[in-house]
Structure formats: structure tokens, C-alpha cells
All heavy atoms as atom14 arrays in JSON, in Angstrom:
{
  "sequence": "SSHYDCVDVNECVTNTHRCNLHAECLNTEGSFKCKCKQGYQGTG",
  "atom14_mask": [
    [1, 1, 1, 1, 1, 1, 0, 0, 0, 0, 0, 0, 0, 0],
    [1, 1, 1, 1, 1, 1, 0, 0, 0, 0, 0, 0, 0, 0],
    [1, 1, 1, 1, 1, 1, 1, 1, 1, 1, 0, 0, 0, 0],
    [1, 1, 1, 1, 1, 1, 1, 1, 1, 1, 1, 1, 0, 0],
    [1, 1, 1, 1, 1, 1, 1, 1, 0, 0, 0, 0, 0, 0],
    [1, 1, 1, 1, 1, 1, 0, 0, 0, 0, 0, 0, 0, 0],
    [1, 1, 1, 1, 1, 1, 1, 0, 0, 0, 0, 0, 0, 0],
    [1, 1, 1, 1, 1, 1, 1, 1, 0, 0, 0, 0, 0, 0],
    [1, 1, 1, 1, 1, 1, 1, 0, 0, 0, 0, 0, 0, 0],
    [1, 1, 1, 1, 1, 1, 1, 1, 0, 0, 0, 0, 0, 0],
    [1, 1, 1, 1, 1, 1, 1, 1, 1, 0, 0, 0, 0, 0],
    [1, 1, 1, 1, 1, 1, 0, 0, 0, 0, 0, 0, 0, 0],
    [1, 1, 1, 1, 1, 1, 1, 0, 0, 0, 0, 0, 0, 0],
    [1, 1, 1, 1, 1, 1, 1, 0, 0, 0, 0, 0, 0, 0],
    [1, 1, 1, 1, 1, 1, 1, 1, 0, 0, 0, 0, 0, 0],
    [1, 1, 1, 1, 1, 1, 1, 0, 0, 0, 0, 0, 0, 0],
    [1, 1, 1, 1, 1, 1, 1, 1, 1, 1, 0, 0, 0, 0],
    [1, 1, 1, 1, 1, 1, 1, 1, 1, 1, 1, 0, 0, 0],
    [1, 1, 1, 1, 1, 1, 0, 0, 0, 0, 0, 0, 0, 0],
    [1, 1, 1, 1, 1, 1, 1, 1, 0, 0, 0, 0, 0, 0],
    [1, 1, 1, 1, 1, 1, 1, 1, 0, 0, 0, 0, 0, 0],
    [1, 1, 1, 1, 1, 1, 1, 1, 1, 1, 0, 0, 0, 0],
    [1, 1, 1, 1, 1, 0, 0, 0, 0, 0, 0, 0, 0, 0],
    [1, 1, 1, 1, 1, 1, 1, 1, 1, 0, 0, 0, 0, 0],
    [1, 1, 1, 1, 1, 1, 0, 0, 0, 0, 0, 0, 0, 0],
    [1, 1, 1, 1, 1, 1, 1, 1, 0, 0, 0, 0, 0, 0],
    [1, 1, 1, 1, 1, 1, 1, 1, 0, 0, 0, 0, 0, 0],
    [1, 1, 1, 1, 1, 1, 1, 0, 0, 0, 0, 0, 0, 0],
    [1, 1, 1, 1, 1, 1, 1, 1, 1, 0, 0, 0, 0, 0],
    [1, 1, 1, 1, 0, 0, 0, 0, 0, 0, 0, 0, 0, 0],
    [1, 1, 1, 1, 1, 1, 0, 0, 0, 0, 0, 0, 0, 0],
    [1, 1, 1, 1, 1, 1, 1, 1, 1, 1, 1, 0, 0, 0],
    [1, 1, 1, 1, 1, 1, 1, 1, 1, 0, 0, 0, 0, 0],
    [1, 1, 1, 1, 1, 1, 0, 0, 0, 0, 0, 0, 0, 0],
    [1, 1, 1, 1, 1, 1, 1, 1, 1, 0, 0, 0, 0, 0],
    [1, 1, 1, 1, 1, 1, 0, 0, 0, 0, 0, 0, 0, 0],
    [1, 1, 1, 1, 1, 1, 1, 1, 1, 0, 0, 0, 0, 0],
    [1, 1, 1, 1, 1, 1, 1, 1, 1, 0, 0, 0, 0, 0],
    [1, 1, 1, 1, 0, 0, 0, 0, 0, 0, 0, 0, 0, 0],
    [1, 1, 1, 1, 1, 1, 1, 1, 1, 1, 1, 1, 0, 0],
    [1, 1, 1, 1, 1, 1, 1, 1, 1, 0, 0, 0, 0, 0],
    [1, 1, 1, 1, 0, 0, 0, 0, 0, 0, 0, 0, 0, 0],
    [1, 1, 1, 1, 1, 1, 1, 0, 0, 0, 0, 0, 0, 0],
    [1, 1, 1, 1, 0, 0, 0, 0, 0, 0, 0, 0, 0, 0]
  ],
  "atom14_positions": [
    [[-22.08, -8.56, 1.34], [-23.45, -8.49, 0.83], [-24.01, -9.87, 0.43], [-24.27, -10.14, -0.72], [-23.58, -7.47, -0.31], [-22.69, -7.76, -1.38], [0.0, 0.0, 0.0], [0.0, 0.0, 0.0], [0.0, 0.0, 0.0], [0.0, 0.0, 0.0], [0.0, 0.0, 0.0], [0.0, 0.0, 0.0], [0.0, 0.0, 0.0], [0.0, 0.0, 0.0]],
    [[-24.12, -10.7, 1.45], [-24.71, -12.06, 1.43], [-24.04, -13.07, 0.48], [-24.65, -14.05, 0.1], [-26.23, -11.98, 1.17], [-26.49, -11.64, -0.19], [0.0, 0.0, 0.0], [0.0, 0.0, 0.0], [0.0, 0.0, 0.0], [0.0, 0.0, 0.0], [0.0, 0.0, 0.0], [0.0, 0.0, 0.0], [0.0, 0.0, 0.0], [0.0, 0.0, 0.0]],
    [[-22.8, -12.83, 0.09], [-22.06, -13.88, -0.62], [-20.56, -13.66, -0.46], [-20.11, -12.58, -0.11], [-22.46, -13.95, -2.11], [-21.96, -12.81, -2.94], [-22.54, -11.57, -2.93], [-20.89, -12.74, -3.8], [-21.87, -10.77, -3.76], [-20.87, -11.45, -4.29], [0.0, 0.0, 0.0], [0.0, 0.0, 0.0], [0.0, 0.0, 0.0], [0.0, 0.0, 0.0]],
    [[-19.81, -14.74, -0.71], [-18.35, -14.66, -0.6], [-17.77, -14.05, -1.86], [-18.22, -14.35, -2.97], [-17.75, -16.06, -0.38], [-17.89, -16.53, 1.04], [-18.92, -17.4, 1.41], [-17.0, -16.12, 2.03], [-19.06, -17.83, 2.71], [-17.13, -16.56, 3.34], [-18.15, -17.4, 3.68], [-18.29, -17.84, 4.97], [0.0, 0.0, 0.0], [0.0, 0.0, 0.0]],
    [[-16.78, -13.19, -1.69], [-16.13, -12.59, -2.85], [-14.67, -12.31, -2.51], [-14.29, -12.21, -1.35], [-16.84, -11.28, -3.24], [-16.6, -10.92, -4.7], [-15.92, -11.72, -5.41], [-17.07, -9.85, -5.13], [0.0, 0.0, 0.0], [0.0, 0.0, 0.0], [0.0, 0.0, 0.0], [0.0, 0.0, 0.0], [0.0, 0.0, 0.0], [0.0, 0.0, 0.0]],
    [[-13.87, -12.17, -3.56], [-12.47, -11.83, -3.38], [-12.36, -10.3, -3.32], [-12.69, -9.62, -4.28], [-11.63, -12.38, -4.52], [-11.54, -14.18, -4.5], [0.0, 0.0, 0.0], [0.0, 0.0, 0.0], [0.0, 0.0, 0.0], [0.0, 0.0, 0.0], [0.0, 0.0, 0.0], [0.0, 0.0, 0.0], [0.0, 0.0, 0.0], [0.0, 0.0, 0.0]],
    [[-11.91, -9.82, -2.18], [-11.85, -8.38, -1.93], [-10.39, -7.96, -1.82], [-9.57, -8.68, -1.24], [-12.64, -8.04, -0.64], [-12.55, -6.56, -0.32], [-14.09, -8.48, -0.77], [0.0, 0.0, 0.0], [0.0, 0.0, 0.0], [0.0, 0.0, 0.0], [0.0, 0.0, 0.0], [0.0, 0.0, 0.0], [0.0, 0.0, 0.0], [0.0, 0.0, 0.0]],
    [[-10.09, -6.8, -2.37], [-8.73, -6.28, -2.32], [-8.25, -6.16, -0.88], [-8.96, -5.69, 0.0], [-8.71, -4.9, -2.99], [-7.36, -4.22, -2.83], [-6.35, -4.82, -3.23], [-7.33, -3.09, -2.28], [0.0, 0.0, 0.0], [0.0, 0.0, 0.0], [0.0, 0.0, 0.0], [0.0, 0.0, 0.0], [0.0, 0.0, 0.0], [0.0, 0.0, 0.0]],
    [[-7.01, -6.58, -0.64], [-6.38, -6.43, 0.67], [-5.71, -5.05, 0.67], [-4.93, -4.74, -0.23], [-5.31, -7.53, 0.9], [-4.53, -7.27, 2.19], [-5.95, -8.91, 0.93], [0.0, 0.0, 0.0], [0.0, 0.0, 0.0], [0.0, 0.0, 0.0], [0.0, 0.0, 0.0], [0.0, 0.0, 0.0], [0.0, 0.0, 0.0], [0.0, 0.0, 0.0]],
    [[-6.02, -4.22, 1.68], [-5.37, -2.92, 1.8], [-4.08, -3.1, 2.6], [-4.09, -3.11, 3.83], [-6.31, -1.91, 2.48], [-5.75, -0.5, 2.45], [-4.54, -0.29, 2.36], [-6.64, 0.48, 2.55], [0.0, 0.0, 0.0], [0.0, 0.0, 0.0], [0.0, 0.0, 0.0], [0.0, 0.0, 0.0], [0.0, 0.0, 0.0], [0.0, 0.0, 0.0]],
    [[-3.01, -3.31, 1.85], [-1.71, -3.59, 2.49], [-1.24, -2.43, 3.37], [-0.48, -2.62, 4.32], [-0.63, -3.89, 1.43], [-0.82, -5.17, 0.66], [-1.77, -5.06, -0.53], [-2.33, -3.94, -0.78], [-1.97, -6.07, -1.21], [0.0, 0.0, 0.0], [0.0, 0.0, 0.0], [0.0, 0.0, 0.0], [0.0, 0.0, 0.0], [0.0, 0.0, 0.0]],
    [[-1.71, -1.21, 3.06], [-1.31, -0.03, 3.83], [-1.93, -0.07, 5.23], [-1.31, 0.33, 6.21], [-1.72, 1.25, 3.11], [-1.03, 1.35, 1.44], [0.0, 0.0, 0.0], [0.0, 0.0, 0.0], [0.0, 0.0, 0.0], [0.0, 0.0, 0.0], [0.0, 0.0, 0.0], [0.0, 0.0, 0.0], [0.0, 0.0, 0.0], [0.0, 0.0, 0.0]],
    [[-3.17, -0.58, 5.32], [-3.87, -0.67, 6.61], [-3.39, -1.9, 7.39], [-3.17, -1.83, 8.6], [-5.4, -0.72, 6.38], [-6.14, -0.97, 7.69], [-5.88, 0.59, 5.74], [0.0, 0.0, 0.0], [0.0, 0.0, 0.0], [0.0, 0.0, 0.0], [0.0, 0.0, 0.0], [0.0, 0.0, 0.0], [0.0, 0.0, 0.0], [0.0, 0.0, 0.0]],
    [[-3.24, -3.02, 6.7], [-2.83, -4.27, 7.38], [-1.34, -4.28, 7.7], [-0.85, -5.19, 8.34], [-3.17, -5.51, 6.52], [-2.5, -5.38, 5.27], [-4.66, -5.66, 6.31], [0.0, 0.0, 0.0], [0.0, 0.0, 0.0], [0.0, 0.0, 0.0], [0.0, 0.0, 0.0], [0.0, 0.0, 0.0], [0.0, 0.0, 0.0], [0.0, 0.0, 0.0]],
    [[-0.63, -3.27, 7.24], [0.81, -3.12, 7.49], [1.62, -4.28, 6.9], [2.62, -4.69, 7.47], [1.08, -2.96, 8.99], [2.1, -1.86, 9.24], [2.49, -1.13, 8.32], [2.52, -1.73, 10.48], [0.0, 0.0, 0.0], [0.0, 0.0, 0.0], [0.0, 0.0, 0.0], [0.0, 0.0, 0.0], [0.0, 0.0, 0.0], [0.0, 0.0, 0.0]],
    [[1.15, -4.81, 5.76], [1.88, -5.9, 5.1], [2.67, -5.37, 3.92], [3.14, -6.14, 3.1], [0.9, -7.02, 4.63], [-0.15, -6.4, 3.91], [0.32, -7.79, 5.8], [0.0, 0.0, 0.0], [0.0, 0.0, 0.0], [0.0, 0.0, 0.0], [0.0, 0.0, 0.0], [0.0, 0.0, 0.0], [0.0, 0.0, 0.0], [0.0, 0.0, 0.0]],
    [[2.82, -4.05, 3.85], [3.6, -3.46, 2.75], [5.09, -3.45, 3.14], [5.44, -3.7, 4.3], [3.12, -2.03, 2.47], [3.29, -1.11, 3.64], [4.48, -0.5, 3.92], [2.41, -0.74, 4.62], [4.34, 0.23, 5.02], [3.09, 0.1, 5.46], [0.0, 0.0, 0.0], [0.0, 0.0, 0.0], [0.0, 0.0, 0.0], [0.0, 0.0, 0.0]],
    [[5.93, -3.18, 2.17], [7.37, -3.14, 2.42], [7.92, -1.74, 2.09], [9.05, -1.6, 1.64], [8.09, -4.21, 1.56], [7.65, -5.63, 1.88], [8.32, -6.67, 1.01], [8.26, -6.4, -0.43], [7.2, -6.6, -1.2], [6.1, -7.07, -0.68], [7.24, -6.32, -2.49], [0.0, 0.0, 0.0], [0.0, 0.0, 0.0], [0.0, 0.0, 0.0]],
    [[7.09, -0.73, 2.27], [7.51, 0.64, 1.96], [8.57, 1.11, 2.96], [8.56, 0.71, 4.13], [6.32, 1.61, 2.0], [5.1, 1.27, 0.72], [0.0, 0.0, 0.0], [0.0, 0.0, 0.0], [0.0, 0.0, 0.0], [0.0, 0.0, 0.0], [0.0, 0.0, 0.0], [0.0, 0.0, 0.0], [0.0, 0.0, 0.0], [0.0, 0.0, 0.0]],
    [[9.43, 1.99, 2.49], [10.47, 2.57, 3.32], [9.84, 3.42, 4.43], [8.72, 3.91, 4.29], [11.38, 3.44, 2.44], [12.61, 3.92, 3.17], [12.56, 4.92, 3.88], [13.71, 3.21, 2.98], [0.0, 0.0, 0.0], [0.0, 0.0, 0.0], [0.0, 0.0, 0.0], [0.0, 0.0, 0.0], [0.0, 0.0, 0.0], [0.0, 0.0, 0.0]],
    [[10.57, 3.57, 5.52], [10.13, 4.37, 6.66], [9.79, 5.81, 6.24], [8.89, 6.44, 6.79], [11.25, 4.36, 7.71], [10.94, 4.91, 9.09], [9.9, 4.02, 9.79], [12.21, 4.98, 9.94], [0.0, 0.0, 0.0], [0.0, 0.0, 0.0], [0.0, 0.0, 0.0], [0.0, 0.0, 0.0], [0.0, 0.0, 0.0], [0.0, 0.0, 0.0]],
    [[10.5, 6.3, 5.2], [10.3, 7.67, 4.71], [9.47, 7.68, 3.43], [9.69, 8.5, 2.55], [11.66, 8.36, 4.48], [12.52, 8.36, 5.7], [12.24, 9.12, 6.82], [13.65, 7.68, 5.99], [13.16, 8.9, 7.74], [14.04, 8.02, 7.26], [0.0, 0.0, 0.0], [0.0, 0.0, 0.0], [0.0, 0.0, 0.0], [0.0, 0.0, 0.0]],
    [[8.54, 6.72, 3.34], [7.68, 6.65, 2.15], [6.23, 6.52, 2.57], [5.92, 6.08, 3.67], [8.09, 5.48, 1.28], [0.0, 0.0, 0.0], [0.0, 0.0, 0.0], [0.0, 0.0, 0.0], [0.0, 0.0, 0.0], [0.0, 0.0, 0.0], [0.0, 0.0, 0.0], [0.0, 0.0, 0.0], [0.0, 0.0, 0.0], [0.0, 0.0, 0.0]],
    [[5.34, 6.91, 1.66], [3.91, 6.75, 1.87], [3.45, 5.49, 1.16], [3.91, 5.19, 0.06], [3.16, 7.93, 1.25], [3.03, 9.15, 2.13], [2.27, 10.25, 1.39], [1.04, 10.08, 1.21], [2.92, 11.22, 0.97], [0.0, 0.0, 0.0], [0.0, 0.0, 0.0], [0.0, 0.0, 0.0], [0.0, 0.0, 0.0], [0.0, 0.0, 0.0]],
    [[2.52, 4.74, 1.79], [1.93, 3.54, 1.16], [0.65, 3.96, 0.46], [-0.19, 4.65, 1.04], [1.66, 2.49, 2.22], [0.83, 1.04, 1.57], [0.0, 0.0, 0.0], [0.0, 0.0, 0.0], [0.0, 0.0, 0.0], [0.0, 0.0, 0.0], [0.0, 0.0, 0.0], [0.0, 0.0, 0.0], [0.0, 0.0, 0.0], [0.0, 0.0, 0.0]],
    [[0.5, 3.56, -0.81], [-0.72, 3.85, -1.58], [-1.34, 2.52, -2.01], [-0.7, 1.73, -2.72], [-0.39, 4.68, -2.83], [0.35, 6.01, -2.57], [0.97, 6.52, -3.85], [-0.62, 7.04, -2.01], [0.0, 0.0, 0.0], [0.0, 0.0, 0.0], [0.0, 0.0, 0.0], [0.0, 0.0, 0.0], [0.0, 0.0, 0.0], [0.0, 0.0, 0.0]],
    [[-2.55, 2.25, -1.55], [-3.2, 0.98, -1.89], [-3.67, 1.0, -3.35], [-4.13, 2.0, -3.86], [-4.4, 0.74, -0.97], [-5.0, -0.64, -1.19], [-4.28, -1.64, -1.19], [-6.29, -0.69, -1.39], [0.0, 0.0, 0.0], [0.0, 0.0, 0.0], [0.0, 0.0, 0.0], [0.0, 0.0, 0.0], [0.0, 0.0, 0.0], [0.0, 0.0, 0.0]],
    [[-3.5, -0.15, -4.04], [-4.01, -0.31, -5.41], [-4.8, -1.61, -5.44], [-4.72, -2.41, -4.51], [-2.85, -0.39, -6.43], [-2.06, -1.54, -6.13], [-1.99, 0.86, -6.42], [0.0, 0.0, 0.0], [0.0, 0.0, 0.0], [0.0, 0.0, 0.0], [0.0, 0.0, 0.0], [0.0, 0.0, 0.0], [0.0, 0.0, 0.0], [0.0, 0.0, 0.0]],
    [[-5.55, -1.84, -6.51], [-6.32, -3.08, -6.65], [-5.36, -4.27, -6.7], [-4.56, -4.39, -7.62], [-7.17, -3.06, -7.92], [-8.57, -2.48, -7.75], [-9.46, -3.31, -6.83], [-9.63, -4.52, -7.08], [-9.99, -2.74, -5.86], [0.0, 0.0, 0.0], [0.0, 0.0, 0.0], [0.0, 0.0, 0.0], [0.0, 0.0, 0.0], [0.0, 0.0, 0.0]],
    [[-5.4, -5.09, -5.67], [-4.59, -6.31, -5.64], [-3.15, -6.08, -5.24], [-2.38, -7.02, -5.14], [0.0, 0.0, 0.0], [0.0, 0.0, 0.0], [0.0, 0.0, 0.0], [0.0, 0.0, 0.0], [0.0, 0.0, 0.0], [0.0, 0.0, 0.0], [0.0, 0.0, 0.0], [0.0, 0.0, 0.0], [0.0, 0.0, 0.0], [0.0, 0.0, 0.0]],
    [[-2.76, -4.82, -5.0], [-1.38, -4.56, -4.64], [-1.25, -3.24, -3.89], [-2.21, -2.77, -3.26], [-0.51, -4.56, -5.91], [0.86, -4.54, -5.56], [0.0, 0.0, 0.0], [0.0, 0.0, 0.0], [0.0, 0.0, 0.0], [0.0, 0.0, 0.0], [0.0, 0.0, 0.0], [0.0, 0.0, 0.0], [0.0, 0.0, 0.0], [0.0, 0.0, 0.0]],
    [[-0.08, -2.61, -3.95], [0.17, -1.32, -3.3], [1.36, -0.66, -3.99], [2.12, -1.31, -4.71], [0.46, -1.51, -1.8], [1.7, -2.3, -1.51], [2.92, -1.67, -1.27], [1.67, -3.69, -1.5], [4.06, -2.39, -1.02], [2.83, -4.43, -1.25], [4.02, -3.78, -1.01], [0.0, 0.0, 0.0], [0.0, 0.0, 0.0], [0.0, 0.0, 0.0]],
    [[1.5, 0.64, -3.76], [2.64, 1.38, -4.29], [3.28, 2.14, -3.14], [2.6, 2.47, -2.16], [2.21, 2.37, -5.38], [1.89, 1.72, -6.7], [1.47, 2.75, -7.72], [1.16, 2.07, -9.06], [0.45, 2.97, -9.96], [0.0, 0.0, 0.0], [0.0, 0.0, 0.0], [0.0, 0.0, 0.0], [0.0, 0.0, 0.0], [0.0, 0.0, 0.0]],
    [[4.55, 2.43, -3.28], [5.25, 3.21, -2.27], [5.79, 4.48, -2.94], [6.38, 4.4, -4.02], [6.41, 2.42, -1.68], [5.88, 0.86, -0.92], [0.0, 0.0, 0.0], [0.0, 0.0, 0.0], [0.0, 0.0, 0.0], [0.0, 0.0, 0.0], [0.0, 0.0, 0.0], [0.0, 0.0, 0.0], [0.0, 0.0, 0.0], [0.0, 0.0, 0.0]],
    [[5.58, 5.62, -2.28], [6.06, 6.89, -2.83], [6.83, 7.62, -1.73], [6.33, 7.79, -0.61], [4.85, 7.73, -3.28], [5.23, 8.99, -4.02], [3.99, 9.77, -4.4], [4.41, 11.12, -5.0], [3.29, 12.05, -5.04], [0.0, 0.0, 0.0], [0.0, 0.0, 0.0], [0.0, 0.0, 0.0], [0.0, 0.0, 0.0], [0.0, 0.0, 0.0]],
    [[8.07, 7.98, -2.06], [8.9, 8.67, -1.07], [8.24, 9.97, -0.64], [7.65, 10.69, -1.45], [10.3, 8.96, -1.62], [11.26, 7.43, -1.87], [0.0, 0.0, 0.0], [0.0, 0.0, 0.0], [0.0, 0.0, 0.0], [0.0, 0.0, 0.0], [0.0, 0.0, 0.0], [0.0, 0.0, 0.0], [0.0, 0.0, 0.0], [0.0, 0.0, 0.0]],
    [[8.32, 10.27, 0.66], [7.73, 11.5, 1.2], [8.51, 12.72, 0.69], [9.63, 12.58, 0.19], [7.78, 11.46, 2.73], [6.81, 10.44, 3.33], [6.95, 10.4, 4.84], [5.99, 9.35, 5.44], [6.24, 9.12, 6.85], [0.0, 0.0, 0.0], [0.0, 0.0, 0.0], [0.0, 0.0, 0.0], [0.0, 0.0, 0.0], [0.0, 0.0, 0.0]],
    [[7.89, 13.88, 0.85], [8.51, 15.12, 0.38], [9.88, 15.31, 1.05], [10.04, 15.05, 2.23], [7.61, 16.33, 0.73], [7.61, 17.36, -0.36], [6.47, 18.38, -0.21], [5.55, 18.18, 0.58], [6.55, 19.46, -0.96], [0.0, 0.0, 0.0], [0.0, 0.0, 0.0], [0.0, 0.0, 0.0], [0.0, 0.0, 0.0], [0.0, 0.0, 0.0]],
    [[10.86, 15.67, 0.23], [12.21, 15.86, 0.75], [13.06, 14.61, 0.6], [14.25, 14.6, 0.91], [0.0, 0.0, 0.0], [0.0, 0.0, 0.0], [0.0, 0.0, 0.0], [0.0, 0.0, 0.0], [0.0, 0.0, 0.0], [0.0, 0.0, 0.0], [0.0, 0.0, 0.0], [0.0, 0.0, 0.0], [0.0, 0.0, 0.0], [0.0, 0.0, 0.0]],
    [[12.42, 13.5, 0.13], [13.16, 12.25, -0.07], [12.97, 11.83, -1.52], [11.99, 12.18, -2.16], [12.61, 11.13, 0.83], [12.93, 11.37, 2.32], [12.07, 12.11, 3.11], [14.07, 10.82, 2.87], [12.34, 12.31, 4.45], [14.35, 11.02, 4.21], [13.49, 11.76, 5.0], [13.77, 11.95, 6.32], [0.0, 0.0, 0.0], [0.0, 0.0, 0.0]],
    [[13.92, 11.07, -2.0], [13.73, 10.51, -3.35], [14.22, 9.06, -3.38], [15.01, 8.63, -2.56], [14.45, 11.36, -4.4], [15.97, 11.43, -4.25], [16.58, 12.3, -5.33], [15.97, 13.28, -5.79], [17.8, 11.98, -5.73], [0.0, 0.0, 0.0], [0.0, 0.0, 0.0], [0.0, 0.0, 0.0], [0.0, 0.0, 0.0], [0.0, 0.0, 0.0]],
    [[13.68, 8.31, -4.35], [14.02, 6.88, -4.48], [12.83, 6.1, -5.02], [11.87, 6.68, -5.54], [0.0, 0.0, 0.0], [0.0, 0.0, 0.0], [0.0, 0.0, 0.0], [0.0, 0.0, 0.0], [0.0, 0.0, 0.0], [0.0, 0.0, 0.0], [0.0, 0.0, 0.0], [0.0, 0.0, 0.0], [0.0, 0.0, 0.0], [0.0, 0.0, 0.0]],
    [[12.88, 4.79, -4.87], [11.83, 3.89, -5.43], [10.59, 3.84, -4.56], [9.55, 3.39, -4.99], [12.39, 2.46, -5.56], [12.75, 1.99, -4.23], [13.56, 2.37, -6.49], [0.0, 0.0, 0.0], [0.0, 0.0, 0.0], [0.0, 0.0, 0.0], [0.0, 0.0, 0.0], [0.0, 0.0, 0.0], [0.0, 0.0, 0.0], [0.0, 0.0, 0.0]],
    [[10.74, 4.24, -3.31], [9.64, 4.09, -2.36], [9.95, 2.95, -1.4], [9.49, 2.91, -0.27], [0.0, 0.0, 0.0], [0.0, 0.0, 0.0], [0.0, 0.0, 0.0], [0.0, 0.0, 0.0], [0.0, 0.0, 0.0], [0.0, 0.0, 0.0], [0.0, 0.0, 0.0], [0.0, 0.0, 0.0], [0.0, 0.0, 0.0], [0.0, 0.0, 0.0]]
  ]
}
């Protein structure tokens, strides 16, 4: 919108997250979270 600004990077879309193959990536402001999919448990 006609000026430069710092915008959150969606690591889930850019595939720059480090989530496990059996985890879901959840974007957060300035970062991301990993949550194990149903039937799995762990840190993400």
C-alpha cells in the first residue's frame, strides 16, 4: 500500500519451516509452530 513495510514471512507457504513430515505447520507473527498430526505425538 504505497510504502515499504516489514511483513510477516509465512514459513508454512515458503516451506522454510523445520516441521516433521507428520506435523502441521502453523504460521505465527514473525515465526511458526509445528503440531503433530492426529495419531502422532511429540514436539512437532
